[in-house]
Amino acid sequence: MIKESPIKKFLGTANYLAKLTFSPNRKKYSAAMKVKIEIFEGRNLEGDFDCNSIAEVSSKVHDFYNRKTGNQLEIRRLARWYIEYLEDVDITPPDMNTLIKDMESTPSEIQAREGTEDSE
């Protein structure tokens, strides 16, 4: 079962709305959990991203925000926004510092911390 959150304002912008879908169904945050991001301008889908980690979520959201607004997105602002979504779908969020560390990590760093790296 996939947890879904409602469509909400996208990081305080007036024109954009976002919807995050978390998979697999879980109660606790994981830096390696899959997230589908859909960003709308009105009824039009402007961005659709399938992410395999919080680092990828961070990268895709930063790129989209910069491209559409012409502004840089502060990492703490993105982290607060993401924590709200986790709470909305009853997933226990990490503390802010852990989330920021995960957002600034590479996918291989997350794999190593999460214990999902292949051991060859």
N, C-alpha and C. Protein backbone atom coordinates (compact mmCIF):
# COMPACT_ATOMS: atom_id res chain seq x y z
N MET A 1 0.84 -1.19 0.00
CA MET A 1 0.00 0.00 0.00
C MET A 1 0.88 1.24 0.00
N ILE A 2 0.55 2.19 -0.84
CA ILE A 2 1.32 3.42 -0.93
C ILE A 2 0.60 4.51 -0.16
N LYS A 3 1.36 5.21 0.69
CA LYS A 3 0.82 6.34 1.43
C LYS A 3 0.82 7.57 0.55
N GLU A 4 -0.27 8.32 0.58
CA GLU A 4 -0.38 9.51 -0.23
C GLU A 4 -0.68 10.71 0.63
N SER A 5 -0.14 11.85 0.27
CA SER A 5 -0.45 13.08 0.99
C SER A 5 -1.33 13.93 0.09
N PRO A 6 -1.98 14.90 0.68
CA PRO A 6 -2.82 15.79 -0.13
C PRO A 6 -1.96 16.70 -0.99
N ILE A 7 -2.60 17.34 -1.95
CA ILE A 7 -1.91 18.35 -2.75
C ILE A 7 -1.80 19.61 -1.89
N LYS A 8 -0.58 20.13 -1.77
CA LYS A 8 -0.32 21.29 -0.91
C LYS A 8 0.49 22.33 -1.67
N LYS A 9 0.53 23.54 -1.13
CA LYS A 9 1.38 24.58 -1.71
C LYS A 9 2.81 24.09 -1.77
N PHE A 10 3.47 24.41 -2.88
CA PHE A 10 4.85 24.00 -3.10
C PHE A 10 5.79 25.06 -2.55
N LEU A 11 6.33 24.79 -1.37
CA LEU A 11 7.34 25.64 -0.75
C LEU A 11 7.01 27.12 -0.76
N GLY A 12 5.76 27.45 -0.46
CA GLY A 12 5.37 28.84 -0.32
C GLY A 12 5.19 29.60 -1.61
N THR A 13 5.23 28.93 -2.75
CA THR A 13 5.00 29.62 -4.01
C THR A 13 3.51 29.85 -4.20
N ALA A 14 3.16 30.88 -4.92
CA ALA A 14 1.76 31.20 -5.15
C ALA A 14 1.15 30.34 -6.26
N ASN A 15 1.95 29.97 -7.25
CA ASN A 15 1.42 29.30 -8.44
C ASN A 15 1.52 27.79 -8.44
N TYR A 16 2.35 27.22 -7.57
CA TYR A 16 2.63 25.79 -7.66
C TYR A 16 2.08 25.01 -6.47
N LEU A 17 1.61 23.80 -6.78
CA LEU A 17 1.13 22.86 -5.77
C LEU A 17 1.92 21.57 -5.94
N ALA A 18 2.06 20.82 -4.86
CA ALA A 18 2.83 19.58 -4.94
C ALA A 18 2.11 18.45 -4.23
N LYS A 19 2.36 17.25 -4.71
CA LYS A 19 1.84 16.04 -4.09
C LYS A 19 2.98 15.04 -4.02
N LEU A 20 3.19 14.48 -2.84
CA LEU A 20 4.22 13.46 -2.65
C LEU A 20 3.55 12.14 -2.35
N THR A 21 4.04 11.09 -2.95
CA THR A 21 3.55 9.74 -2.68
C THR A 21 4.74 8.92 -2.20
N PHE A 22 4.58 8.34 -1.01
CA PHE A 22 5.67 7.59 -0.36
C PHE A 22 5.45 6.09 -0.53
N SER A 23 6.54 5.37 -0.80
CA SER A 23 6.46 3.93 -0.96
C SER A 23 7.79 3.33 -0.48
N PRO A 24 7.86 2.19 0.05
CA PRO A 24 6.72 1.37 0.44
C PRO A 24 6.05 1.91 1.69
N ASN A 25 4.92 1.34 2.01
CA ASN A 25 4.17 1.77 3.18
C ASN A 25 5.01 1.52 4.43
N ARG A 26 5.27 2.55 5.17
CA ARG A 26 6.06 2.41 6.40
C ARG A 26 5.64 3.47 7.39
N LYS A 27 6.08 3.29 8.62
CA LYS A 27 5.74 4.23 9.69
C LYS A 27 6.92 5.12 10.06
N LYS A 28 8.13 4.71 9.67
CA LYS A 28 9.32 5.50 10.01
C LYS A 28 10.02 5.96 8.74
N TYR A 29 10.63 7.10 8.85
CA TYR A 29 11.42 7.67 7.76
C TYR A 29 12.62 6.80 7.45
N SER A 30 12.96 6.74 6.18
CA SER A 30 14.20 6.12 5.73
C SER A 30 14.77 7.02 4.63
N ALA A 31 16.06 7.26 4.67
CA ALA A 31 16.69 8.10 3.65
C ALA A 31 16.62 7.44 2.27
N ALA A 32 16.41 6.13 2.26
CA ALA A 32 16.38 5.39 0.99
C ALA A 32 14.97 5.04 0.53
N MET A 33 13.94 5.62 1.15
CA MET A 33 12.59 5.26 0.70
C MET A 33 12.25 5.96 -0.61
N LYS A 34 11.39 5.32 -1.38
CA LYS A 34 10.98 5.84 -2.69
C LYS A 34 9.91 6.91 -2.51
N VAL A 35 10.04 7.98 -3.31
CA VAL A 35 9.08 9.09 -3.26
C VAL A 35 8.77 9.52 -4.69
N LYS A 36 7.49 9.65 -4.98
CA LYS A 36 7.05 10.21 -6.27
C LYS A 36 6.61 11.64 -5.98
N ILE A 37 7.15 12.59 -6.75
CA ILE A 37 6.81 14.00 -6.58
C ILE A 37 6.07 14.46 -7.83
N GLU A 38 4.90 15.06 -7.62
CA GLU A 38 4.16 15.67 -8.72
C GLU A 38 3.97 17.14 -8.37
N ILE A 39 4.36 18.02 -9.29
CA ILE A 39 4.24 19.46 -9.06
C ILE A 39 3.33 20.03 -10.13
N PHE A 40 2.33 20.78 -9.69
CA PHE A 40 1.32 21.33 -10.58
C PHE A 40 1.35 22.85 -10.59
N GLU A 41 1.05 23.43 -11.74
CA GLU A 41 0.75 24.85 -11.84
C GLU A 41 -0.72 24.88 -12.24
N GLY A 42 -1.57 25.23 -11.27
CA GLY A 42 -3.01 25.08 -11.50
C GLY A 42 -3.32 23.61 -11.67
N ARG A 43 -3.95 23.27 -12.78
CA ARG A 43 -4.26 21.86 -13.06
C ARG A 43 -3.22 21.18 -13.94
N ASN A 44 -2.25 21.94 -14.39
CA ASN A 44 -1.23 21.40 -15.29
C ASN A 44 -0.07 20.78 -14.52
N LEU A 45 0.28 19.56 -14.88
CA LEU A 45 1.42 18.88 -14.28
C LEU A 45 2.70 19.49 -14.86
N GLU A 46 3.50 20.10 -14.00
CA GLU A 46 4.73 20.78 -14.44
C GLU A 46 5.99 19.96 -14.15
N GLY A 47 5.90 19.07 -13.17
CA GLY A 47 7.04 18.25 -12.82
C GLY A 47 6.57 16.92 -12.27
N ASP A 48 7.21 15.84 -12.68
CA ASP A 48 6.85 14.49 -12.24
C ASP A 48 8.16 13.73 -12.05
N PHE A 49 8.50 13.44 -10.80
CA PHE A 49 9.80 12.84 -10.50
C PHE A 49 9.64 11.60 -9.64
N ASP A 50 10.30 10.51 -10.04
CA ASP A 50 10.37 9.30 -9.23
C ASP A 50 11.75 9.26 -8.61
N CYS A 51 11.78 9.30 -7.28
CA CYS A 51 13.05 9.37 -6.56
C CYS A 51 13.25 8.12 -5.71
N ASN A 52 14.51 7.70 -5.59
CA ASN A 52 14.86 6.50 -4.82
C ASN A 52 15.49 6.81 -3.48
N SER A 53 15.67 8.10 -3.17
CA SER A 53 16.25 8.48 -1.89
C SER A 53 15.94 9.95 -1.62
N ILE A 54 16.13 10.35 -0.38
CA ILE A 54 15.91 11.75 -0.01
C ILE A 54 16.94 12.65 -0.71
N ALA A 55 18.13 12.15 -0.98
CA ALA A 55 19.12 12.94 -1.71
C ALA A 55 18.62 13.28 -3.11
N GLU A 56 17.97 12.32 -3.74
CA GLU A 56 17.41 12.54 -5.07
C GLU A 56 16.22 13.50 -5.00
N VAL A 57 15.38 13.36 -3.98
CA VAL A 57 14.27 14.30 -3.78
C VAL A 57 14.82 15.72 -3.68
N SER A 58 15.82 15.90 -2.85
CA SER A 58 16.42 17.21 -2.65
C SER A 58 16.94 17.79 -3.95
N SER A 59 17.67 17.00 -4.70
CA SER A 59 18.24 17.45 -5.96
C SER A 59 17.16 17.86 -6.96
N LYS A 60 16.16 17.02 -7.14
CA LYS A 60 15.09 17.29 -8.11
C LYS A 60 14.29 18.53 -7.71
N VAL A 61 13.97 18.66 -6.42
CA VAL A 61 13.19 19.82 -5.96
C VAL A 61 14.02 21.10 -6.09
N HIS A 62 15.29 21.04 -5.72
CA HIS A 62 16.16 22.22 -5.88
C HIS A 62 16.21 22.67 -7.34
N ASP A 63 16.43 21.72 -8.25
CA ASP A 63 16.52 22.06 -9.67
C ASP A 63 15.21 22.66 -10.19
N PHE A 64 14.10 22.04 -9.84
CA PHE A 64 12.79 22.54 -10.29
C PHE A 64 12.53 23.94 -9.74
N TYR A 65 12.76 24.11 -8.45
CA TYR A 65 12.51 25.41 -7.79
C TYR A 65 13.36 26.51 -8.43
N ASN A 66 14.63 26.21 -8.65
CA ASN A 66 15.54 27.19 -9.25
C ASN A 66 15.10 27.54 -10.68
N ARG A 67 14.74 26.53 -11.46
CA ARG A 67 14.32 26.74 -12.84
C ARG A 67 13.04 27.55 -12.93
N LYS A 68 12.08 27.28 -12.04
CA LYS A 68 10.77 27.94 -12.12
C LYS A 68 10.72 29.30 -11.43
N THR A 69 11.49 29.48 -10.36
CA THR A 69 11.41 30.75 -9.62
C THR A 69 12.63 31.64 -9.84
N GLY A 70 13.72 31.06 -10.32
CA GLY A 70 14.96 31.81 -10.49
C GLY A 70 15.69 32.04 -9.18
N ASN A 71 15.23 31.40 -8.12
CA ASN A 71 15.84 31.56 -6.80
C ASN A 71 16.44 30.24 -6.32
N GLN A 72 17.43 30.35 -5.44
CA GLN A 72 17.99 29.18 -4.78
C GLN A 72 17.07 28.80 -3.62
N LEU A 73 16.96 27.52 -3.36
CA LEU A 73 16.13 27.02 -2.27
C LEU A 73 17.01 26.70 -1.07
N GLU A 74 16.67 27.28 0.06
CA GLU A 74 17.43 27.01 1.29
C GLU A 74 17.13 25.60 1.78
N ILE A 75 18.17 24.85 2.13
CA ILE A 75 18.03 23.44 2.53
C ILE A 75 17.13 23.28 3.76
N ARG A 76 17.21 24.20 4.72
CA ARG A 76 16.36 24.10 5.92
C ARG A 76 14.89 24.29 5.57
N ARG A 77 14.62 25.14 4.61
CA ARG A 77 13.23 25.35 4.19
C ARG A 77 12.68 24.09 3.54
N LEU A 78 13.48 23.46 2.67
CA LEU A 78 13.07 22.21 2.05
C LEU A 78 12.87 21.13 3.11
N ALA A 79 13.75 21.06 4.08
CA ALA A 79 13.64 20.05 5.14
C ALA A 79 12.36 20.23 5.95
N ARG A 80 12.04 21.47 6.31
CA ARG A 80 10.79 21.72 7.06
C ARG A 80 9.58 21.30 6.23
N TRP A 81 9.58 21.64 4.94
CA TRP A 81 8.49 21.29 4.03
C TRP A 81 8.33 19.77 3.95
N TYR A 82 9.44 19.07 3.84
CA TYR A 82 9.42 17.61 3.74
C TYR A 82 8.91 16.97 5.03
N ILE A 83 9.35 17.48 6.16
CA ILE A 83 8.89 16.96 7.45
C ILE A 83 7.38 17.10 7.57
N GLU A 84 6.82 18.22 7.11
CA GLU A 84 5.36 18.39 7.12
C GLU A 84 4.66 17.28 6.36
N TYR A 85 5.20 16.94 5.19
CA TYR A 85 4.61 15.86 4.40
C TYR A 85 4.67 14.53 5.12
N LEU A 86 5.81 14.24 5.71
CA LEU A 86 5.93 12.98 6.45
C LEU A 86 4.89 12.91 7.56
N GLU A 87 4.73 14.01 8.28
CA GLU A 87 3.74 14.04 9.36
C GLU A 87 2.33 13.89 8.83
N ASP A 88 2.03 14.49 7.67
CA ASP A 88 0.70 14.40 7.08
C ASP A 88 0.30 12.97 6.73
N VAL A 89 1.27 12.13 6.42
CA VAL A 89 0.96 10.75 6.04
C VAL A 89 1.36 9.76 7.14
N ASP A 90 1.51 10.27 8.35
CA ASP A 90 1.77 9.43 9.53
C ASP A 90 3.08 8.64 9.45
N ILE A 91 4.09 9.25 8.85
CA ILE A 91 5.43 8.66 8.86
C ILE A 91 6.25 9.48 9.85
N THR A 92 6.85 8.80 10.83
CA THR A 92 7.64 9.50 11.83
C THR A 92 8.86 10.12 11.17
N PRO A 93 8.98 11.45 11.20
CA PRO A 93 10.10 12.11 10.54
C PRO A 93 11.38 12.03 11.38
N PRO A 94 12.52 12.22 10.73
CA PRO A 94 13.78 12.30 11.47
C PRO A 94 13.92 13.69 12.07
N ASP A 95 14.94 13.89 12.88
CA ASP A 95 15.20 15.26 13.34
C ASP A 95 15.75 16.06 12.17
N MET A 96 15.67 17.38 12.28
CA MET A 96 16.06 18.28 11.19
C MET A 96 17.50 18.05 10.73
N ASN A 97 18.44 17.88 11.66
CA ASN A 97 19.85 17.71 11.29
C ASN A 97 20.08 16.42 10.51
N THR A 98 19.41 15.35 10.91
CA THR A 98 19.54 14.08 10.18
C THR A 98 18.99 14.22 8.77
N LEU A 99 17.84 14.87 8.64
CA LEU A 99 17.24 15.05 7.33
C LEU A 99 18.13 15.89 6.42
N ILE A 100 18.68 16.96 6.95
CA ILE A 100 19.57 17.81 6.15
C ILE A 100 20.81 17.03 5.71
N LYS A 101 21.38 16.23 6.62
CA LYS A 101 22.54 15.40 6.27
C LYS A 101 22.18 14.45 5.14
N ASP A 102 21.00 13.82 5.24
CA ASP A 102 20.56 12.90 4.19
C ASP A 102 20.33 13.63 2.87
N MET A 103 19.76 14.83 2.92
CA MET A 103 19.50 15.61 1.71
C MET A 103 20.79 16.01 1.01
N GLU A 104 21.84 16.21 1.77
CA GLU A 104 23.12 16.64 1.19
C GLU A 104 24.03 15.47 0.84
N SER A 105 23.59 14.25 1.08
CA SER A 105 24.39 13.06 0.81
C SER A 105 24.25 12.61 -0.64
N THR A 106 25.21 11.80 -1.06
CA THR A 106 25.09 11.16 -2.37
C THR A 106 24.29 9.87 -2.18
N PRO A 107 23.70 9.34 -3.27
CA PRO A 107 22.98 8.07 -3.14
C PRO A 107 23.84 6.95 -2.56
N SER A 108 25.13 6.89 -2.91
CA SER A 108 25.98 5.82 -2.37
C SER A 108 26.24 6.00 -0.87
N GLU A 109 26.32 7.24 -0.40
CA GLU A 109 26.47 7.48 1.03
C GLU A 109 25.22 7.02 1.79
N ILE A 110 24.06 7.27 1.20
CA ILE A 110 22.81 6.82 1.83
C ILE A 110 22.75 5.30 1.84
N GLN A 111 23.13 4.66 0.74
CA GLN A 111 23.14 3.19 0.69
C GLN A 111 24.02 2.61 1.78
N ALA A 112 25.18 3.20 1.99
CA ALA A 112 26.11 2.72 3.01
C ALA A 112 25.52 2.86 4.39
N ARG A 113 24.89 4.00 4.68
CA ARG A 113 24.27 4.22 6.00
C ARG A 113 23.05 3.35 6.23
N GLU A 114 22.28 3.13 5.17
CA GLU A 114 21.04 2.33 5.30
C GLU A 114 21.32 0.83 5.28
N GLY A 115 22.54 0.45 4.93
CA GLY A 115 22.89 -0.98 4.90
C GLY A 115 22.33 -1.70 3.69
N THR A 116 22.06 -0.97 2.60
CA THR A 116 21.51 -1.59 1.41
C THR A 116 22.55 -1.81 0.32
N GLU A 117 23.78 -1.46 0.62
CA GLU A 117 24.84 -1.58 -0.37
C GLU A 117 25.22 -3.04 -0.57
N ASP A 118 25.45 -3.41 -1.81
CA ASP A 118 25.88 -4.78 -2.10
C ASP A 118 27.28 -5.00 -1.54
N SER A 119 27.51 -6.17 -1.00
CA SER A 119 28.83 -6.46 -0.43
C SER A 119 29.55 -7.42 -1.35
N GLU A 120 30.35 -6.86 -2.24
CA GLU A 120 31.14 -7.69 -3.16
C GLU A 120 32.60 -7.45 -2.96
